[in-house]
Amino acid sequence: MGIGQKAEVRHMESRFSVGMVYGMLLSIPLWISAIGWFRLVAQGITMFLKLRFA
């Protein structure tokens, strides 16, 4: 295994970890918005049911 191949492997590993960190950071707002939407929908359903059976 030459010096060039070793450097290439190390580069791939670091790129993978950076990609994972980026993925986690990008998914945080996605999770927050998803939870927000679920709460909004649940609130809307409960209000609708309250109005319907009031």
Protein backbone atom coordinates (compact mmCIF):
# COMPACT_ATOMS: atom_id res chain seq x y z
CA MET A 1 0.00 0.00 0.00
CA GLY A 2 1.56 3.29 -1.10
CA ILE A 3 1.59 6.64 0.69
CA GLY A 4 -1.03 8.04 -1.70
CA GLN A 5 -3.50 5.23 -0.96
CA LYS A 6 -3.13 5.67 2.82
CA ALA A 7 -3.85 9.40 2.56
CA GLU A 8 -6.91 8.67 0.40
CA VAL A 9 -8.36 6.28 3.01
CA ARG A 10 -7.84 8.81 5.81
CA HIS A 11 -9.47 11.51 3.68
CA MET A 12 -12.54 9.33 3.10
CA GLU A 13 -12.91 8.64 6.85
CA SER A 14 -12.76 12.32 7.79
CA ARG A 15 -15.23 13.20 5.03
CA PHE A 16 -17.64 10.55 6.34
CA SER A 17 -17.59 11.93 9.91
CA VAL A 18 -18.05 15.49 8.64
CA GLY A 19 -21.00 14.27 6.57
CA MET A 20 -22.55 12.64 9.63
CA VAL A 21 -22.16 15.84 11.68
CA TYR A 22 -23.68 17.89 8.84
CA GLY A 23 -26.55 15.41 8.57
CA MET A 24 -27.27 15.63 12.30
CA LEU A 25 -27.13 19.44 12.27
CA LEU A 26 -29.42 19.61 9.24
CA SER A 27 -31.90 17.16 10.76
CA ILE A 28 -32.32 19.17 14.01
CA PRO A 29 -34.54 21.88 12.42
CA LEU A 30 -36.36 19.14 10.53
CA TRP A 31 -37.17 17.37 13.81
CA ILE A 32 -38.23 20.65 15.49
CA SER A 33 -40.54 21.54 12.60
CA ALA A 34 -41.96 18.00 12.46
CA ILE A 35 -42.75 18.08 16.19
CA GLY A 36 -44.27 21.55 15.75
CA TRP A 37 -46.49 20.32 12.91
CA PHE A 38 -47.60 17.27 14.91
CA ARG A 39 -48.54 19.48 17.88
CA LEU A 40 -50.38 21.91 15.58
CA VAL A 41 -52.34 19.10 13.91
CA ALA A 42 -53.17 17.50 17.27
CA GLN A 43 -54.32 20.87 18.62
CA GLY A 44 -56.47 21.42 15.54
CA ILE A 45 -58.08 17.98 15.88
CA THR A 46 -58.84 18.47 19.58
CA MET A 47 -60.33 21.93 18.95
CA PHE A 48 -62.43 20.54 16.09
CA LEU A 49 -63.71 17.70 18.28
CA LYS A 50 -64.48 20.11 21.15
CA LEU A 51 -66.46 22.40 18.84
CA ARG A 52 -68.25 19.46 17.25
CA PHE A 53 -69.33 17.81 20.51
CA ALA A 54 -69.81 20.99 22.58
